[in-house]
Amino acid sequence: MRKNLVAGNWKMNMTYQDGLALVSEITNMVADEATGSTAEVVICPPFPFLHSIGKLLPQGGNIHLGAQNCHQKESGAYTGEVSAKMLQSVGVEYVILGHSERRQYFGETDELLSQKLKAALGAGLKPIFCVGESLETREADETFAYLEKQLKDGLFHLSNEEFDQVTVAYEPIWAIGTGKTATSAQAQEVHAFIREQIARAYDAEAAQNTTILYGGSANAQNARELFSQPDVDGGLIGGASLKSRDFTEIIKSF
């Protein structure tokens, strides 16, 4: 079902000790200050920290453990890779797939991501599937055509039952780590378009039940305005998730 969700993507940041300290700060702040928030929270640290950080999260609470990626195969001779089944075995509930940095730096295609989605769902994980356009695509007025193709090729092969487990994240690539942010109106326009595409691919009920996150430099200052839009259900947070005060303030936006 559709819900408000704030996911923190730590990317390749933090040492083990720093990560444990950060998650302890976040859990304490959320318990002290954000008990009235309607948002589910997902923390996505690097792979080596997952098990230990999972142990620090309150059991049965609204803070969940997520991973930043997984491999499309269940096991095998894939040196350096981590499978969805491995993630599930250490307590991971969510996994980010198709982040723009994975697409850009590691050549991940929609075809590959469709396989990763199947692997994640098969292991019982909840995918956060990312789509988004570059500055060049936006300036060429091709945003909607580009997103439509990403959704169709990477995501819409799933059955209705599988799709129910997916959260979609819109991340305008031109706003990631640049300090630029889409206006709340720009974010709403794209989120409404994504919801419309879901309705066409599945049905109106599926579209209304899908959580769609904004993932382009959302921070403590702009989160409340972004999240006030009717089709923006939360955020996939990068840099601000590395600061306990900022991340807590974002959670409190709900």
C-alpha atoms as a PDB file:
ATOM      1  CA  MET A   1       0.000   0.000   0.000  1.00  0.00           C
ATOM      2  CA  ARG A   2       1.061   3.582  -0.620  1.00  0.00           C
ATOM      3  CA  LYS A   3       2.918   5.104   2.290  1.00  0.00           C
ATOM      4  CA  ASN A   4       5.237   7.950   3.170  1.00  0.00           C
ATOM      5  CA  LEU A   5       8.830   6.787   3.101  1.00  0.00           C
ATOM      6  CA  VAL A   6      12.225   8.402   3.676  1.00  0.00           C
ATOM      7  CA  ALA A   7      15.222   6.331   2.545  1.00  0.00           C
ATOM      8  CA  GLY A   8      18.800   7.311   3.345  1.00  0.00           C
ATOM      9  CA  ASN A   9      21.380   6.249   0.759  1.00  0.00           C
ATOM     10  CA  TRP A  10      24.825   6.520   2.340  1.00  0.00           C
ATOM     11  CA  LYS A  11      26.556   5.614  -0.945  1.00  0.00           C
ATOM     12  CA  MET A  12      30.303   4.906  -0.452  1.00  0.00           C
ATOM     13  CA  ASN A  13      30.675   6.967   2.700  1.00  0.00           C
ATOM     14  CA  MET A  14      31.444   6.405   6.380  1.00  0.00           C
ATOM     15  CA  THR A  15      33.789   4.063   8.182  1.00  0.00           C
ATOM     16  CA  TYR A  16      32.332   1.238  10.229  1.00  0.00           C
ATOM     17  CA  GLN A  17      32.697   3.148  13.493  1.00  0.00           C
ATOM     18  CA  ASP A  18      31.244   6.352  12.005  1.00  0.00           C
ATOM     19  CA  GLY A  19      28.307   4.417  10.570  1.00  0.00           C
ATOM     20  CA  LEU A  20      27.434   2.827  13.902  1.00  0.00           C
ATOM     21  CA  ALA A  21      27.596   6.216  15.598  1.00  0.00           C
ATOM     22  CA  LEU A  22      25.406   7.827  12.942  1.00  0.00           C
ATOM     23  CA  VAL A  23      22.667   5.216  13.070  1.00  0.00           C
ATOM     24  CA  SER A  24      22.633   5.375  16.866  1.00  0.00           C
ATOM     25  CA  GLU A  25      22.149   9.145  16.669  1.00  0.00           C
ATOM     26  CA  ILE A  26      19.365   8.780  14.103  1.00  0.00           C
ATOM     27  CA  THR A  27      17.449   6.125  16.024  1.00  0.00           C
ATOM     28  CA  ASN A  28      17.665   8.152  19.237  1.00  0.00           C
ATOM     29  CA  MET A  29      16.573  11.381  17.543  1.00  0.00           C
ATOM     30  CA  VAL A  30      13.673   9.670  15.788  1.00  0.00           C
ATOM     31  CA  ALA A  31      12.540   8.112  19.085  1.00  0.00           C
ATOM     32  CA  ASP A  32      12.779  11.444  20.900  1.00  0.00           C
ATOM     33  CA  GLU A  33      11.466  13.816  18.238  1.00  0.00           C
ATOM     34  CA  ALA A  34       9.669  12.057  15.401  1.00  0.00           C
ATOM     35  CA  THR A  35       7.197   9.740  17.078  1.00  0.00           C
ATOM     36  CA  GLY A  36       4.391  11.633  15.335  1.00  0.00           C
ATOM     37  CA  SER A  37       5.870  11.174  11.872  1.00  0.00           C
ATOM     38  CA  THR A  38       3.857   9.038   9.462  1.00  0.00           C
ATOM     39  CA  ALA A  39       6.960   8.113   7.472  1.00  0.00           C
ATOM     40  CA  GLU A  40       8.573   4.727   7.242  1.00  0.00           C
ATOM     41  CA  VAL A  41      12.378   5.088   7.315  1.00  0.00           C
ATOM     42  CA  VAL A  42      14.949   3.008   5.431  1.00  0.00           C
ATOM     43  CA  ILE A  43      18.686   3.251   6.085  1.00  0.00           C
ATOM     44  CA  CYS A  44      20.934   1.975   3.280  1.00  0.00           C
ATOM     45  CA  PRO A  45      24.567   1.733   4.443  1.00  0.00           C
ATOM     46  CA  PRO A  46      27.444   0.097   2.536  1.00  0.00           C
ATOM     47  CA  PHE A  47      27.494  -3.708   2.432  1.00  0.00           C
ATOM     48  CA  PRO A  48      30.109  -4.291   5.202  1.00  0.00           C
ATOM     49  CA  PHE A  49      27.974  -2.433   7.764  1.00  0.00           C
ATOM     50  CA  LEU A  50      24.603  -4.011   7.064  1.00  0.00           C
ATOM     51  CA  HIS A  51      24.475  -6.734   9.696  1.00  0.00           C
ATOM     52  CA  SER A  52      25.782  -4.601  12.547  1.00  0.00           C
ATOM     53  CA  ILE A  53      23.578  -1.633  11.726  1.00  0.00           C
ATOM     54  CA  GLY A  54      20.571  -3.906  11.432  1.00  0.00           C
ATOM     55  CA  LYS A  55      21.211  -5.030  15.004  1.00  0.00           C
ATOM     56  CA  LEU A  56      21.000  -1.407  16.167  1.00  0.00           C
ATOM     57  CA  LEU A  57      17.592  -0.729  14.599  1.00  0.00           C
ATOM     58  CA  PRO A  58      14.597  -1.050  16.946  1.00  0.00           C
ATOM     59  CA  GLN A  59      12.808  -4.322  16.301  1.00  0.00           C
ATOM     60  CA  GLY A  60       9.268  -3.883  15.067  1.00  0.00           C
ATOM     61  CA  GLY A  61       9.721  -0.147  14.613  1.00  0.00           C
ATOM     62  CA  ASN A  62       9.428   2.107  11.593  1.00  0.00           C
ATOM     63  CA  ILE A  63      13.164   2.125  10.734  1.00  0.00           C
ATOM     64  CA  HIS A  64      14.163  -0.563   8.257  1.00  0.00           C
ATOM     65  CA  LEU A  65      17.418  -1.837   6.761  1.00  0.00           C
ATOM     66  CA  GLY A  66      18.140  -1.409   3.060  1.00  0.00           C
ATOM     67  CA  ALA A  67      20.982  -2.154   0.659  1.00  0.00           C
ATOM     68  CA  GLN A  68      22.277  -0.080  -2.240  1.00  0.00           C
ATOM     69  CA  ASN A  69      22.435  -2.775  -4.901  1.00  0.00           C
ATOM     70  CA  CYS A  70      22.370  -6.519  -5.511  1.00  0.00           C
ATOM     71  CA  HIS A  71      23.453  -8.953  -8.210  1.00  0.00           C
ATOM     72  CA  GLN A  72      20.979 -10.543 -10.587  1.00  0.00           C
ATOM     73  CA  LYS A  73      22.120 -14.118  -9.876  1.00  0.00           C
ATOM     74  CA  GLU A  74      21.382 -16.072  -6.718  1.00  0.00           C
ATOM     75  CA  SER A  75      24.926 -17.458  -6.422  1.00  0.00           C
ATOM     76  CA  GLY A  76      27.937 -18.405  -8.496  1.00  0.00           C
ATOM     77  CA  ALA A  77      31.413 -17.365  -9.626  1.00  0.00           C
ATOM     78  CA  TYR A  78      30.817 -13.602  -9.543  1.00  0.00           C
ATOM     79  CA  THR A  79      33.765 -12.291  -7.550  1.00  0.00           C
ATOM     80  CA  GLY A  80      32.991  -9.215  -5.505  1.00  0.00           C
ATOM     81  CA  GLU A  81      29.221  -9.380  -5.989  1.00  0.00           C
ATOM     82  CA  VAL A  82      26.426  -9.715  -3.417  1.00  0.00           C
ATOM     83  CA  SER A  83      23.183 -11.570  -4.077  1.00  0.00           C
ATOM     84  CA  ALA A  84      19.686 -10.637  -2.945  1.00  0.00           C
ATOM     85  CA  LYS A  85      19.518 -13.869  -0.966  1.00  0.00           C
ATOM     86  CA  MET A  86      22.664 -12.883   0.945  1.00  0.00           C
ATOM     87  CA  LEU A  87      21.137  -9.503   1.767  1.00  0.00           C
ATOM     88  CA  GLN A  88      17.926 -11.083   2.986  1.00  0.00           C
ATOM     89  CA  SER A  89      19.915 -13.437   5.215  1.00  0.00           C
ATOM     90  CA  VAL A  90      21.408 -10.529   7.196  1.00  0.00           C
ATOM     91  CA  GLY A  91      18.095  -8.777   7.742  1.00  0.00           C
ATOM     92  CA  VAL A  92      17.843  -6.461   4.743  1.00  0.00           C
ATOM     93  CA  GLU A  93      14.263  -5.570   3.756  1.00  0.00           C
ATOM     94  CA  TYR A  94      14.750  -3.022   0.958  1.00  0.00           C
ATOM     95  CA  VAL A  95      17.224  -2.686  -1.914  1.00  0.00           C
ATOM     96  CA  ILE A  96      17.906   0.274  -4.195  1.00  0.00           C
ATOM     97  CA  LEU A  97      18.070  -0.720  -7.870  1.00  0.00           C
ATOM     98  CA  GLY A  98      18.893   1.369 -10.918  1.00  0.00           C
ATOM     99  CA  HIS A  99      20.378   4.358  -9.130  1.00  0.00           C
ATOM    100  CA  SER A 100      21.732   6.819 -11.678  1.00  0.00           C
ATOM    101  CA  GLU A 101      25.278   6.294 -10.396  1.00  0.00           C
ATOM    102  CA  ARG A 102      24.969   2.553 -11.042  1.00  0.00           C
ATOM    103  CA  ARG A 103      23.644   3.267 -14.515  1.00  0.00           C
ATOM    104  CA  GLN A 104      26.321   5.870 -15.276  1.00  0.00           C
ATOM    105  CA  TYR A 105      29.471   4.371 -13.733  1.00  0.00           C
ATOM    106  CA  PHE A 106      28.732   0.655 -14.006  1.00  0.00           C
ATOM    107  CA  GLY A 107      26.767   0.547 -17.249  1.00  0.00           C
ATOM    108  CA  GLU A 108      23.599  -0.928 -15.769  1.00  0.00           C
ATOM    109  CA  THR A 109      20.889  -1.167 -18.401  1.00  0.00           C
ATOM    110  CA  ASP A 110      17.131  -1.484 -18.089  1.00  0.00           C
ATOM    111  CA  GLU A 111      17.438  -5.097 -19.268  1.00  0.00           C
ATOM    112  CA  LEU A 112      19.922  -5.898 -16.493  1.00  0.00           C
ATOM    113  CA  LEU A 113      17.805  -4.082 -13.935  1.00  0.00           C
ATOM    114  CA  SER A 114      14.748  -6.087 -14.917  1.00  0.00           C
ATOM    115  CA  GLN A 115      16.743  -9.199 -13.949  1.00  0.00           C
ATOM    116  CA  LYS A 116      17.863  -7.623 -10.670  1.00  0.00           C
ATOM    117  CA  LEU A 117      14.251  -6.795  -9.854  1.00  0.00           C
ATOM    118  CA  LYS A 118      13.254 -10.422 -10.307  1.00  0.00           C
ATOM    119  CA  ALA A 119      16.164 -11.558  -8.125  1.00  0.00           C
ATOM    120  CA  ALA A 120      15.308  -9.089  -5.361  1.00  0.00           C
ATOM    121  CA  LEU A 121      11.629  -9.971  -5.363  1.00  0.00           C
ATOM    122  CA  GLY A 122      12.452 -13.675  -5.426  1.00  0.00           C
ATOM    123  CA  ALA A 123      14.466 -13.210  -2.236  1.00  0.00           C
ATOM    124  CA  GLY A 124      11.626 -11.368  -0.540  1.00  0.00           C
ATOM    125  CA  LEU A 125      13.199  -7.906  -0.763  1.00  0.00           C
ATOM    126  CA  LYS A 126      11.321  -4.692  -1.543  1.00  0.00           C
ATOM    127  CA  PRO A 127      12.984  -2.866  -4.436  1.00  0.00           C
ATOM    128  CA  ILE A 128      13.327   0.911  -4.642  1.00  0.00           C
ATOM    129  CA  PHE A 129      13.536   1.298  -8.419  1.00  0.00           C
ATOM    130  CA  CYS A 130      15.150   4.522  -9.663  1.00  0.00           C
ATOM    131  CA  VAL A 131      14.427   6.451 -12.846  1.00  0.00           C
ATOM    132  CA  GLY A 132      15.514   9.910 -13.929  1.00  0.00           C
ATOM    133  CA  GLU A 133      16.771  12.086 -16.733  1.00  0.00           C
ATOM    134  CA  SER A 134      19.996  13.983 -17.395  1.00  0.00           C
ATOM    135  CA  LEU A 135      20.201  17.744 -17.857  1.00  0.00           C
ATOM    136  CA  GLU A 136      20.641  17.224 -21.599  1.00  0.00           C
ATOM    137  CA  THR A 137      17.467  15.145 -21.782  1.00  0.00           C
ATOM    138  CA  ARG A 138      15.497  17.733 -19.821  1.00  0.00           C
ATOM    139  CA  GLU A 139      16.769  20.639 -21.904  1.00  0.00           C
ATOM    140  CA  ALA A 140      15.854  18.723 -25.065  1.00  0.00           C
ATOM    141  CA  ASP A 141      12.298  18.439 -23.710  1.00  0.00           C
ATOM    142  CA  GLU A 142      12.551  14.615 -23.771  1.00  0.00           C
ATOM    143  CA  THR A 143      12.055  13.933 -20.057  1.00  0.00           C
ATOM    144  CA  PHE A 144       8.720  12.156 -20.331  1.00  0.00           C
ATOM    145  CA  ALA A 145       9.704   9.982 -23.295  1.00  0.00           C
ATOM    146  CA  TYR A 146      12.919   8.988 -21.514  1.00  0.00           C
ATOM    147  CA  LEU A 147      11.156   8.090 -18.270  1.00  0.00           C
ATOM    148  CA  GLU A 148       8.454   6.186 -20.109  1.00  0.00           C
ATOM    149  CA  LYS A 149      11.117   3.991 -21.720  1.00  0.00           C
ATOM    150  CA  GLN A 150      12.925   3.398 -18.424  1.00  0.00           C
ATOM    151  CA  LEU A 151       9.690   2.327 -16.763  1.00  0.00           C
ATOM    152  CA  LYS A 152       8.551   0.141 -19.642  1.00  0.00           C
ATOM    153  CA  ASP A 153      11.877  -1.628 -20.210  1.00  0.00           C
ATOM    154  CA  GLY A 154      13.019  -1.950 -16.610  1.00  0.00           C
ATOM    155  CA  LEU A 155       9.916  -2.248 -14.486  1.00  0.00           C
ATOM    156  CA  PHE A 156       6.639  -2.913 -16.249  1.00  0.00           C
ATOM    157  CA  HIS A 157       7.422  -6.565 -17.034  1.00  0.00           C
ATOM    158  CA  LEU A 158       6.479  -7.412 -13.447  1.00  0.00           C
ATOM    159  CA  SER A 159       3.165  -9.004 -12.555  1.00  0.00           C
ATOM    160  CA  ASN A 160       0.648  -7.001 -10.515  1.00  0.00           C
ATOM    161  CA  GLU A 161       1.566  -8.971  -7.409  1.00  0.00           C
ATOM    162  CA  GLU A 162       5.276  -8.318  -7.905  1.00  0.00           C
ATOM    163  CA  PHE A 163       4.756  -4.659  -8.703  1.00  0.00           C
ATOM    164  CA  ASP A 164       2.895  -4.204  -5.409  1.00  0.00           C
ATOM    165  CA  GLN A 165       6.237  -4.663  -3.621  1.00  0.00           C
ATOM    166  CA  VAL A 166       8.036  -1.923  -5.573  1.00  0.00           C
ATOM    167  CA  THR A 167       8.710   1.678  -4.587  1.00  0.00           C
ATOM    168  CA  VAL A 168       9.620   4.037  -7.436  1.00  0.00           C
ATOM    169  CA  ALA A 169      12.163   6.830  -6.966  1.00  0.00           C
ATOM    170  CA  TYR A 170      12.419   9.756  -9.368  1.00  0.00           C
ATOM    171  CA  GLU A 171      15.917  11.199  -9.332  1.00  0.00           C
ATOM    172  CA  PRO A 172      16.607  14.014 -11.783  1.00  0.00           C
ATOM    173  CA  ILE A 173      20.278  13.314 -12.481  1.00  0.00           C
ATOM    174  CA  TRP A 174      20.978  17.009 -12.956  1.00  0.00           C
ATOM    175  CA  ALA A 175      19.990  17.598  -9.319  1.00  0.00           C
ATOM    176  CA  ILE A 176      22.022  14.831  -7.639  1.00  0.00           C
ATOM    177  CA  GLY A 177      24.967  16.148  -5.671  1.00  0.00           C
ATOM    178  CA  THR A 178      24.911  19.415  -7.594  1.00  0.00           C
ATOM    179  CA  GLY A 179      23.042  21.494  -5.053  1.00  0.00           C
ATOM    180  CA  LYS A 180      20.333  22.033  -7.649  1.00  0.00           C
ATOM    181  CA  THR A 181      16.868  20.802  -6.825  1.00  0.00           C
ATOM    182  CA  ALA A 182      13.774  20.450  -8.941  1.00  0.00           C
ATOM    183  CA  THR A 183      11.093  22.853  -7.832  1.00  0.00           C
ATOM    184  CA  SER A 184       8.164  21.288  -6.016  1.00  0.00           C
ATOM    185  CA  ALA A 185       6.069  21.939  -9.132  1.00  0.00           C
ATOM    186  CA  GLN A 186       8.625  20.181 -11.375  1.00  0.00           C
ATOM    187  CA  ALA A 187       8.764  17.223  -9.006  1.00  0.00           C
ATOM    188  CA  GLN A 188       4.979  16.990  -8.849  1.00  0.00           C
ATOM    189  CA  GLU A 189       4.665  17.132 -12.630  1.00  0.00           C
ATOM    190  CA  VAL A 190       7.018  14.190 -13.095  1.00  0.00           C
ATOM    191  CA  HIS A 191       5.607  12.170 -10.206  1.00  0.00           C
ATOM    192  CA  ALA A 192       2.084  12.598 -11.615  1.00  0.00           C
ATOM    193  CA  PHE A 193       3.379  11.434 -15.000  1.00  0.00           C
ATOM    194  CA  ILE A 194       4.959   8.334 -13.436  1.00  0.00           C
ATOM    195  CA  ARG A 195       1.722   7.527 -11.625  1.00  0.00           C
ATOM    196  CA  GLU A 196      -0.156   7.914 -14.902  1.00  0.00           C
ATOM    197  CA  GLN A 197       2.210   5.466 -16.610  1.00  0.00           C
ATOM    198  CA  ILE A 198       1.679   2.954 -13.808  1.00  0.00           C
ATOM    199  CA  ALA A 199      -2.084   3.251 -14.257  1.00  0.00           C
ATOM    200  CA  ARG A 200      -1.706   2.542 -17.968  1.00  0.00           C
ATOM    201  CA  ALA A 201       0.607  -0.424 -17.441  1.00  0.00           C
ATOM    202  CA  TYR A 202      -1.403  -1.932 -14.571  1.00  0.00           C
ATOM    203  CA  ASP A 203      -4.522  -0.163 -13.305  1.00  0.00           C
ATOM    204  CA  ALA A 204      -5.675   2.889 -11.355  1.00  0.00           C
ATOM    205  CA  GLU A 205      -5.577   1.055  -8.052  1.00  0.00           C
ATOM    206  CA  ALA A 206      -1.951   0.023  -8.540  1.00  0.00           C
ATOM    207  CA  ALA A 207      -1.049   3.595  -9.443  1.00  0.00           C
ATOM    208  CA  GLN A 208      -2.715   5.020  -6.349  1.00  0.00           C
ATOM    209  CA  ASN A 209      -1.071   2.422  -4.113  1.00  0.00           C
ATOM    210  CA  THR A 210       2.482   3.012  -5.394  1.00  0.00           C
ATOM    211  CA  THR A 211       4.895   5.011  -3.270  1.00  0.00           C
ATOM    212  CA  ILE A 212       6.905   7.437  -5.427  1.00  0.00           C
ATOM    213  CA  LEU A 213       9.949   9.109  -3.873  1.00  0.00           C
ATOM    214  CA  TYR A 214      11.833  12.217  -4.931  1.00  0.00           C
ATOM    215  CA  GLY A 215      15.598  11.754  -5.103  1.00  0.00           C
ATOM    216  CA  GLY A 216      17.304  14.932  -6.250  1.00  0.00           C
ATOM    217  CA  SER A 217      19.149  16.797  -3.460  1.00  0.00           C
ATOM    218  CA  ALA A 218      16.236  16.853  -1.049  1.00  0.00           C
ATOM    219  CA  ASN A 219      17.319  18.323   2.274  1.00  0.00           C
ATOM    220  CA  ALA A 220      16.020  19.582   5.600  1.00  0.00           C
ATOM    221  CA  GLN A 221      15.203  22.969   4.093  1.00  0.00           C
ATOM    222  CA  ASN A 222      13.147  21.882   1.080  1.00  0.00           C
ATOM    223  CA  ALA A 223      11.704  18.517   2.189  1.00  0.00           C
ATOM    224  CA  ARG A 224       8.474  19.840   3.656  1.00  0.00           C
ATOM    225  CA  GLU A 225       7.575  21.741   0.473  1.00  0.00           C
ATOM    226  CA  LEU A 226       8.488  18.814  -1.784  1.00  0.00           C
ATOM    227  CA  PHE A 227       6.586  16.297   0.337  1.00  0.00           C
ATOM    228  CA  SER A 228       3.493  18.502   0.386  1.00  0.00           C
ATOM    229  CA  GLN A 229       2.896  17.722  -3.284  1.00  0.00           C
ATOM    230  CA  PRO A 230       0.078  15.196  -3.811  1.00  0.00           C
ATOM    231  CA  ASP A 231       2.173  12.690  -5.773  1.00  0.00           C
ATOM    232  CA  VAL A 232       5.433  13.018  -3.824  1.00  0.00           C
ATOM    233  CA  ASP A 233       5.341  10.337  -1.124  1.00  0.00           C
ATOM    234  CA  GLY A 234       8.801  10.810   0.350  1.00  0.00           C
ATOM    235  CA  GLY A 235      12.457  11.013  -0.535  1.00  0.00           C
ATOM    236  CA  LEU A 236      15.537   9.011  -1.474  1.00  0.00           C
ATOM    237  CA  ILE A 237      18.064  11.078   0.449  1.00  0.00           C
ATOM    238  CA  GLY A 238      21.794  11.186  -0.307  1.00  0.00           C
ATOM    239  CA  GLY A 239      24.087  13.698   1.379  1.00  0.00           C
ATOM    240  CA  ALA A 240      21.575  14.801   3.994  1.00  0.00           C
ATOM    241  CA  SER A 241      21.245  11.203   5.232  1.00  0.00           C
ATOM    242  CA  LEU A 242      24.845  11.387   6.481  1.00  0.00           C
ATOM    243  CA  LYS A 243      23.915  14.061   9.030  1.00  0.00           C
ATOM    244  CA  SER A 244      21.702  12.866  11.847  1.00  0.00           C
ATOM    245  CA  ARG A 245      20.096  16.257  12.474  1.00  0.00           C
ATOM    246  CA  ASP A 246      19.295  16.882   8.800  1.00  0.00           C
ATOM    247  CA  PHE A 247      17.960  13.363   8.231  1.00  0.00           C
ATOM    248  CA  THR A 248      15.759  13.553  11.315  1.00  0.00           C
ATOM    249  CA  GLU A 249      14.355  16.910  10.224  1.00  0.00           C
ATOM    250  CA  ILE A 250      13.471  15.374   6.844  1.00  0.00           C
ATOM    251  CA  ILE A 251      11.660  12.528   8.605  1.00  0.00           C
ATOM    252  CA  LYS A 252       9.827  15.085  10.729  1.00  0.00           C
ATOM    253  CA  SER A 253       8.557  16.758   7.549  1.00  0.00           C
ATOM    254  CA  PHE A 254       5.805  14.122   7.686  1.00  0.00           C
END
